[in-house]
Amino acid sequence: MDELQDVQLTEIKPLLTNKVRTGQPQAAEHDIETPHGVLHVTMRGVPKGNRPVILTYHDIGLNHKSCFNTLFNYEDMQEITQHFAVVHVDAPGQQEGAPPFPSGYRYPTMDELAEMLPSVMTQLKVNSVIGIGVGAGAYILTRFALNNPTLVEGLVLINIDPCAEGWIDWAASKLSGWTSNLVDIVMAHHFSTDELTDNQELIQTYRLHIAQDINQDNLALFCGSYQYRRDLEIERPIVGLNEDTVNTLTCPALLVVGDTSPAVEAVVECNSRLNPTKTTLLKMADCGGLPQVVQPGKLAEAFKYFVQGMGYMYQPDTDSWMDVGLLGLDTHMTLLCMCISVMLIFFSSLPFPNLSLWEAPSGVASISAS
């Protein structure tokens, strides 16, 4: 176990920073009217031709800054975002400095939160998106893609749970020696028992953020909406039988989860319901509930290969991204190449002399050290 400590990453200090590197587009904030209320979004850059926009949606207890700043401030990720506009969505009432909702306010359901996104795209003149969602945000983006398949070119889904079961009672029952308040329950949603006890700096940073930076009444409403979500009702298509009629994602999807995350079982369940020729599950070694914070470099590299697998090829000589479609390649082969490339990231980054690759069926890829 002492050797394992050598590869644990602790990139957590940039959590709440909002620095803009030289050359990074300035952010423009918008409050957009939708059929289910106002949505606060932050946009960097402008849509470029027919290229999709990267659209993010955060998890409960977070906002777009605390969920995604570490990832998007990472140098390799900025190599990508120089060439794609980015839209960060904050769930209603979860953005920095959000006022409390008036008495009697009914928070949107998870289905309604997904139905708010087309208005965002129309207002910002966005034709299509590549979505990156975490937890509740991953659920919302998946529902959005199911409802509007032509608007979504690809999805990166971190810690997604496709099931309808509420987590609050379960999380409270798992807490040992903790008071079952909202902050504790949200922490149990994000972090495993080991993380809660072993990674004190990370835990303290997020505990303070959830307790002090997010309006607690607004947070309770968002959590309630997530708790009472519907099952996504997706199922894996059977080749030659129901590919065109089954309810499932039609776009490429990269499912991501840390190997010690509380969401592992839920993500594996989601993977079992998706088309294996369009889905890759990336199980990140030595990683807990927030891979975009703890291992942003590996996730940025995985995202780069995912975008390339969709047909957007980076040209180093011109420092630009070219839309080449799928170059006539079969979608499964494109995703397979992407998966192999993603796995090579881990081989090159882990210092162990003995590495083993375990490849499970149904598009599951995992790398472990022996």
Protein backbone atom coordinates (compact mmCIF):
# COMPACT_ATOMS: atom_id res chain seq x y z
CA MET A 1 0.00 0.00 0.00
CA ASP A 2 2.95 2.33 0.57
CA GLU A 3 3.83 2.09 -3.13
CA LEU A 4 0.28 3.06 -4.13
CA GLN A 5 0.66 6.36 -2.32
CA ASP A 6 3.23 7.39 -4.92
CA VAL A 7 0.62 7.70 -7.68
CA GLN A 8 -2.20 9.31 -5.77
CA LEU A 9 -2.89 12.76 -7.15
CA THR A 10 -3.76 15.71 -4.94
CA GLU A 11 -4.66 18.41 -7.45
CA ILE A 12 -7.33 19.90 -5.21
CA LYS A 13 -6.17 23.41 -4.39
CA PRO A 14 -7.53 24.91 -7.65
CA LEU A 15 -11.06 23.95 -6.51
CA LEU A 16 -12.56 27.41 -6.28
CA THR A 17 -10.07 29.41 -8.30
CA ASN A 18 -11.41 31.36 -11.23
CA LYS A 19 -8.21 32.37 -12.96
CA VAL A 20 -8.28 32.89 -16.70
CA ARG A 21 -5.08 31.91 -18.47
CA THR A 22 -3.65 34.11 -21.18
CA GLY A 23 -5.49 33.50 -24.43
CA GLN A 24 -8.52 31.89 -22.78
CA PRO A 25 -11.78 33.58 -23.88
CA GLN A 26 -13.44 35.79 -21.31
CA ALA A 27 -16.63 34.52 -19.73
CA ALA A 28 -20.02 36.02 -20.52
CA GLU A 29 -22.81 35.31 -18.03
CA HIS A 30 -26.44 35.03 -19.12
CA ASP A 31 -29.77 34.59 -17.35
CA ILE A 32 -31.93 32.78 -19.87
CA GLU A 33 -35.71 32.49 -19.75
CA THR A 34 -36.97 28.96 -20.31
CA PRO A 35 -40.39 27.25 -20.07
CA HIS A 36 -39.53 26.24 -16.50
CA GLY A 37 -37.85 29.37 -15.18
CA VAL A 38 -34.59 31.27 -15.49
CA LEU A 39 -31.31 29.42 -16.00
CA HIS A 40 -27.93 30.97 -15.26
CA VAL A 41 -25.25 30.02 -17.79
CA THR A 42 -21.66 31.09 -18.43
CA MET A 43 -20.24 31.01 -21.94
CA ARG A 44 -16.62 31.17 -23.07
CA GLY A 45 -15.91 31.74 -26.73
CA VAL A 46 -18.38 31.77 -29.61
CA PRO A 47 -19.72 28.83 -31.64
CA LYS A 48 -17.39 28.05 -34.53
CA GLY A 49 -19.13 27.03 -37.76
CA ASN A 50 -20.73 23.60 -37.54
CA ARG A 51 -18.51 22.60 -34.63
CA PRO A 52 -20.43 21.60 -31.47
CA VAL A 53 -20.21 23.55 -28.23
CA ILE A 54 -19.00 21.84 -25.06
CA LEU A 55 -21.84 22.07 -22.52
CA THR A 56 -21.35 21.15 -18.86
CA TYR A 57 -23.80 20.40 -16.07
CA HIS A 58 -22.69 19.98 -12.44
CA ASP A 59 -23.77 17.67 -9.60
CA ILE A 60 -25.73 18.45 -6.43
CA GLY A 61 -23.84 20.49 -3.84
CA LEU A 62 -21.69 22.11 -6.52
CA ASN A 63 -21.89 24.79 -9.17
CA HIS A 64 -20.08 24.97 -12.49
CA LYS A 65 -16.97 26.51 -10.90
CA SER A 66 -16.48 24.07 -8.04
CA CYS A 67 -17.34 21.13 -10.27
CA PHE A 68 -15.36 21.96 -13.41
CA ASN A 69 -12.76 24.71 -12.78
CA THR A 70 -9.96 22.27 -11.97
CA LEU A 71 -10.58 20.36 -15.20
CA PHE A 72 -11.05 23.34 -17.50
CA ASN A 73 -8.07 25.21 -16.02
CA TYR A 74 -5.85 22.22 -16.80
CA GLU A 75 -3.43 22.94 -19.62
CA ASP A 76 -4.35 19.91 -21.75
CA MET A 77 -8.04 20.76 -21.51
CA GLN A 78 -7.37 24.34 -22.57
CA GLU A 79 -5.65 22.99 -25.66
CA ILE A 80 -9.10 21.68 -26.62
CA THR A 81 -11.25 24.59 -25.45
CA GLN A 82 -9.21 27.08 -27.49
CA HIS A 83 -11.06 25.61 -30.47
CA PHE A 84 -14.51 24.91 -29.00
CA ALA A 85 -16.87 27.31 -27.29
CA VAL A 86 -17.90 26.21 -23.79
CA VAL A 87 -21.24 26.72 -22.03
CA HIS A 88 -21.41 26.02 -18.29
CA VAL A 89 -24.93 25.57 -16.92
CA ASP A 90 -25.76 26.19 -13.27
CA ALA A 91 -28.89 24.47 -12.01
CA PRO A 92 -31.49 26.98 -10.77
CA GLY A 93 -30.37 28.63 -7.56
CA GLN A 94 -27.00 26.89 -7.41
CA GLN A 95 -24.75 29.60 -8.91
CA GLU A 96 -22.48 31.81 -6.83
CA GLY A 97 -24.44 34.43 -4.94
CA ALA A 98 -27.82 32.98 -5.92
CA PRO A 99 -30.69 34.53 -3.95
CA PRO A 100 -33.15 32.26 -2.11
CA PHE A 101 -36.29 31.28 -3.96
CA PRO A 102 -39.55 32.87 -2.81
CA SER A 103 -41.84 31.02 -0.46
CA GLY A 104 -43.91 28.42 -2.26
CA TYR A 105 -41.53 28.14 -5.21
CA ARG A 106 -41.72 24.77 -6.97
CA TYR A 107 -38.33 23.58 -8.12
CA PRO A 108 -38.20 22.02 -11.60
CA THR A 109 -38.20 18.24 -11.83
CA MET A 110 -35.21 16.52 -13.41
CA ASP A 111 -37.23 16.12 -16.61
CA GLU A 112 -38.00 19.84 -16.59
CA LEU A 113 -34.36 20.74 -15.97
CA ALA A 114 -33.53 18.81 -19.15
CA GLU A 115 -36.34 20.59 -21.01
CA MET A 116 -34.74 23.96 -20.18
CA LEU A 117 -31.63 23.28 -22.26
CA PRO A 118 -33.06 23.77 -25.78
CA SER A 119 -33.92 27.35 -24.79
CA VAL A 120 -30.29 27.87 -23.78
CA MET A 121 -29.07 26.60 -27.14
CA THR A 122 -31.54 28.78 -29.04
CA GLN A 123 -30.64 31.91 -27.08
CA LEU A 124 -26.90 31.35 -27.50
CA LYS A 125 -27.22 30.26 -31.15
CA VAL A 126 -25.77 26.83 -30.48
CA ASN A 127 -26.57 24.13 -33.04
CA SER A 128 -25.25 21.05 -31.22
CA VAL A 129 -23.32 20.12 -28.10
CA ILE A 130 -20.87 17.67 -26.59
CA GLY A 131 -22.11 17.31 -23.03
CA ILE A 132 -20.02 16.76 -19.90
CA GLY A 133 -22.14 16.00 -16.85
CA VAL A 134 -21.44 14.82 -13.30
CA GLY A 135 -23.98 12.96 -11.15
CA ALA A 136 -27.26 14.84 -11.33
CA GLY A 137 -25.86 16.81 -14.27
CA ALA A 138 -25.05 13.58 -16.11
CA TYR A 139 -28.64 12.43 -15.60
CA ILE A 140 -30.01 15.75 -16.92
CA LEU A 141 -27.80 15.67 -20.02
CA THR A 142 -28.77 12.06 -20.73
CA ARG A 143 -32.47 12.92 -20.46
CA PHE A 144 -31.83 15.91 -22.74
CA ALA A 145 -30.09 13.68 -25.31
CA LEU A 146 -32.91 11.13 -25.21
CA ASN A 147 -35.44 13.90 -25.87
CA ASN A 148 -33.33 15.75 -28.47
CA PRO A 149 -30.94 13.28 -30.16
CA THR A 150 -30.16 15.63 -33.06
CA LEU A 151 -28.85 18.30 -30.69
CA VAL A 152 -26.27 16.11 -28.92
CA GLU A 153 -23.18 14.80 -30.71
CA GLY A 154 -21.58 13.08 -27.72
CA LEU A 155 -21.75 12.74 -23.94
CA VAL A 156 -19.15 12.35 -21.20
CA LEU A 157 -21.10 11.06 -18.20
CA ILE A 158 -19.31 11.02 -14.85
CA ASN A 159 -20.92 9.13 -11.94
CA ILE A 160 -24.23 8.71 -13.76
CA ASP A 161 -27.07 6.83 -12.06
CA PRO A 162 -29.87 5.87 -14.48
CA CYS A 163 -32.12 4.48 -11.76
CA ALA A 164 -35.06 6.10 -10.00
CA GLU A 165 -34.15 5.08 -6.48
CA GLY A 166 -33.67 7.91 -4.00
CA TRP A 167 -30.23 8.10 -2.42
CA ILE A 168 -30.92 10.30 0.59
CA ASP A 169 -32.27 7.61 2.94
CA TRP A 170 -29.59 5.19 1.75
CA ALA A 171 -26.81 7.72 2.31
CA ALA A 172 -28.11 8.63 5.76
CA SER A 173 -28.22 4.96 6.75
CA LYS A 174 -24.60 4.55 5.71
CA LEU A 175 -23.31 7.43 7.80
CA SER A 176 -21.57 6.27 10.94
CA GLY A 177 -21.03 8.79 13.72
CA TRP A 178 -22.25 11.64 11.56
CA THR A 179 -25.31 13.79 11.99
CA SER A 180 -27.65 13.26 9.07
CA ASN A 181 -27.83 16.87 7.87
CA LEU A 182 -27.93 17.92 4.25
CA VAL A 183 -24.20 18.64 3.97
CA ASP A 184 -23.28 15.20 5.36
CA ILE A 185 -25.65 13.48 2.97
CA VAL A 186 -24.32 15.37 -0.05
CA MET A 187 -20.77 14.50 1.02
CA ALA A 188 -21.74 10.81 1.19
CA HIS A 189 -23.13 11.16 -2.32
CA HIS A 190 -19.78 12.46 -3.61
CA PHE A 191 -17.22 10.49 -1.62
CA SER A 192 -16.61 6.94 -0.49
CA THR A 193 -16.17 6.06 3.18
CA ASP A 194 -12.42 5.75 2.66
CA GLU A 195 -12.20 9.17 1.03
CA LEU A 196 -14.18 10.75 3.85
CA THR A 197 -11.60 9.53 6.36
CA ASP A 198 -8.37 9.45 4.36
CA ASN A 199 -8.34 12.57 2.19
CA GLN A 200 -8.93 15.27 4.77
CA GLU A 201 -7.78 18.24 2.68
CA LEU A 202 -10.12 17.43 -0.18
CA ILE A 203 -13.01 16.63 2.16
CA GLN A 204 -12.61 19.80 4.22
CA THR A 205 -12.44 21.95 1.10
CA TYR A 206 -15.66 20.54 -0.31
CA ARG A 207 -17.46 20.40 3.02
CA LEU A 208 -16.85 24.13 3.53
CA HIS A 209 -17.88 24.91 -0.03
CA ILE A 210 -21.14 22.97 0.20
CA ALA A 211 -21.98 24.43 3.62
CA GLN A 212 -20.97 28.04 3.01
CA ASP A 213 -20.99 28.84 -0.71
CA ILE A 214 -24.26 27.20 -1.78
CA ASN A 215 -27.60 28.56 -0.58
CA GLN A 216 -28.81 25.72 1.66
CA ASP A 217 -32.52 26.14 0.92
CA ASN A 218 -31.84 26.16 -2.81
CA LEU A 219 -29.57 23.14 -2.44
CA ALA A 220 -32.29 21.22 -0.60
CA LEU A 221 -34.68 21.87 -3.50
CA PHE A 222 -32.16 20.63 -6.09
CA CYS A 223 -31.42 17.55 -3.98
CA GLY A 224 -35.14 16.85 -3.67
CA SER A 225 -35.55 17.02 -7.42
CA TYR A 226 -32.69 14.57 -7.90
CA GLN A 227 -33.97 12.24 -5.19
CA TYR A 228 -37.34 11.91 -6.90
CA ARG A 229 -36.04 11.51 -10.44
CA ARG A 230 -37.61 8.97 -12.78
CA ASP A 231 -35.75 5.97 -14.11
CA LEU A 232 -34.17 6.87 -17.45
CA GLU A 233 -35.90 3.79 -18.91
CA ILE A 234 -33.09 3.07 -21.33
CA GLU A 235 -32.22 -0.41 -22.52
CA ARG A 236 -29.49 -2.02 -24.55
CA PRO A 237 -30.47 -2.58 -28.19
CA ILE A 238 -30.32 -6.04 -29.70
CA VAL A 239 -28.49 -6.04 -33.02
CA GLY A 240 -30.78 -6.94 -35.87
CA LEU A 241 -33.90 -6.73 -33.73
CA ASN A 242 -34.68 -3.36 -32.17
CA GLU A 243 -31.80 -0.94 -32.79
CA ASP A 244 -34.16 1.60 -34.34
CA THR A 245 -36.97 1.36 -31.80
CA VAL A 246 -35.37 0.82 -28.39
CA ASN A 247 -35.06 3.81 -26.04
CA THR A 248 -31.33 4.44 -25.64
CA LEU A 249 -28.65 6.98 -26.47
CA THR A 250 -27.83 7.27 -30.15
CA CYS A 251 -24.70 9.41 -29.71
CA PRO A 252 -21.24 8.21 -28.59
CA ALA A 253 -20.94 8.13 -24.80
CA LEU A 254 -17.92 7.96 -22.50
CA LEU A 255 -18.91 6.81 -19.00
CA VAL A 256 -16.37 7.74 -16.33
CA VAL A 257 -16.11 6.64 -12.70
CA GLY A 258 -13.35 6.38 -10.13
CA ASP A 259 -12.63 2.85 -8.94
CA THR A 260 -13.46 3.79 -5.32
CA SER A 261 -16.40 6.05 -6.13
CA PRO A 262 -19.79 5.45 -4.46
CA ALA A 263 -21.23 5.54 -7.99
CA VAL A 264 -19.39 2.52 -9.41
CA GLU A 265 -22.38 0.14 -9.37
CA ALA A 266 -24.72 2.77 -10.83
CA VAL A 267 -22.32 3.58 -13.68
CA VAL A 268 -21.84 -0.10 -14.52
CA GLU A 269 -25.63 -0.48 -14.53
CA CYS A 270 -25.94 2.44 -16.95
CA ASN A 271 -23.29 0.92 -19.19
CA SER A 272 -25.27 -2.33 -19.33
CA ARG A 273 -28.24 -0.41 -20.72
CA LEU A 274 -26.44 1.39 -23.54
CA ASN A 275 -25.39 0.37 -27.04
CA PRO A 276 -21.94 -1.26 -26.60
CA THR A 277 -20.86 -0.15 -30.10
CA LYS A 278 -21.26 3.49 -29.07
CA THR A 279 -20.34 3.37 -25.39
CA THR A 280 -17.06 3.16 -23.50
CA LEU A 281 -16.78 2.85 -19.73
CA LEU A 282 -13.58 4.29 -18.28
CA LYS A 283 -12.90 3.16 -14.72
CA MET A 284 -10.13 5.38 -13.38
CA ALA A 285 -7.63 3.69 -11.07
CA ASP A 286 -6.71 5.25 -7.72
CA CYS A 287 -9.60 7.68 -8.02
CA GLY A 288 -12.69 8.39 -5.93
CA GLY A 289 -15.89 10.31 -6.47
CA LEU A 290 -14.59 13.40 -8.30
CA PRO A 291 -12.25 12.33 -11.12
CA GLN A 292 -12.49 15.74 -12.78
CA VAL A 293 -10.94 17.25 -9.64
CA VAL A 294 -8.52 14.57 -8.46
CA GLN A 295 -7.24 13.45 -11.87
CA PRO A 296 -7.98 16.28 -14.33
CA GLY A 297 -4.99 15.45 -16.52
CA LYS A 298 -6.14 11.90 -17.23
CA LEU A 299 -9.72 13.02 -17.82
CA ALA A 300 -8.61 15.81 -20.17
CA GLU A 301 -6.56 13.33 -22.17
CA ALA A 302 -9.49 10.90 -22.31
CA PHE A 303 -11.76 13.72 -23.48
CA LYS A 304 -9.31 14.65 -26.24
CA TYR A 305 -9.37 11.12 -27.60
CA PHE A 306 -13.14 11.00 -27.24
CA VAL A 307 -13.50 14.15 -29.35
CA GLN A 308 -11.07 12.73 -31.91
CA GLY A 309 -13.06 9.50 -31.97
CA MET A 310 -16.12 11.56 -32.90
CA GLY A 311 -14.26 12.86 -35.93
CA TYR A 312 -12.80 16.16 -34.73
CA MET A 313 -9.10 15.71 -35.43
CA TYR A 314 -6.44 17.94 -33.88
CA GLN A 315 -3.80 19.25 -36.32
CA PRO A 316 -0.65 20.23 -34.40
CA ASP A 317 0.93 21.93 -37.41
CA THR A 318 -1.94 24.43 -37.64
CA ASP A 319 -2.92 24.31 -33.94
CA SER A 320 -6.54 23.76 -34.95
CA TRP A 321 -9.30 21.14 -34.89
CA MET A 322 -10.76 19.87 -38.16
CA ASP A 323 -14.17 18.27 -38.53
CA VAL A 324 -13.53 15.21 -40.68
CA GLY A 325 -16.65 13.32 -39.72
CA LEU A 326 -15.94 9.66 -39.17
CA LEU A 327 -13.65 9.40 -42.22
CA GLY A 328 -15.76 6.48 -43.43
CA LEU A 329 -14.82 4.38 -40.43
CA ASP A 330 -17.33 2.16 -38.70
CA THR A 331 -18.48 3.79 -35.46
CA HIS A 332 -17.48 0.76 -33.41
CA MET A 333 -13.93 0.81 -34.78
CA THR A 334 -13.67 4.54 -34.12
CA LEU A 335 -14.70 4.08 -30.51
CA LEU A 336 -12.44 1.06 -30.14
CA CYS A 337 -9.46 3.11 -31.28
CA MET A 338 -10.52 5.84 -28.88
CA CYS A 339 -10.77 3.34 -26.03
CA ILE A 340 -7.31 1.91 -26.75
CA SER A 341 -5.85 5.43 -26.85
CA VAL A 342 -7.50 6.30 -23.55
CA MET A 343 -6.11 3.17 -21.93
CA LEU A 344 -2.62 3.98 -23.17
CA ILE A 345 -2.79 7.17 -21.12
CA PHE A 346 -2.81 5.08 -18.00
CA PHE A 347 0.02 2.81 -19.10
CA SER A 348 2.22 5.82 -19.78
CA SER A 349 1.35 7.60 -16.53
CA LEU A 350 1.63 4.82 -13.96
CA PRO A 351 5.19 4.08 -12.74
CA PHE A 352 4.63 0.45 -11.78
CA PRO A 353 6.82 -2.21 -13.41
CA ASN A 354 4.01 -4.78 -13.54
CA LEU A 355 0.77 -3.60 -15.12
CA SER A 356 -2.21 -5.66 -16.11
CA LEU A 357 -5.08 -4.73 -18.39
CA TRP A 358 -8.45 -6.21 -17.70
CA GLU A 359 -11.03 -5.82 -20.43
CA ALA A 360 -14.56 -6.80 -19.49
CA PRO A 361 -17.40 -7.33 -21.95
CA SER A 362 -19.80 -4.61 -23.07
CA GLY A 363 -17.25 -1.89 -23.62
CA VAL A 364 -15.86 -1.82 -20.08
CA ALA A 365 -12.20 -0.85 -19.80
CA SER A 366 -10.27 -0.85 -16.55
CA ILE A 367 -6.59 -0.66 -15.72
CA SER A 368 -5.06 -1.83 -12.50
CA ALA A 369 -1.59 -2.14 -11.03
CA SER A 370 -0.40 -5.47 -9.78
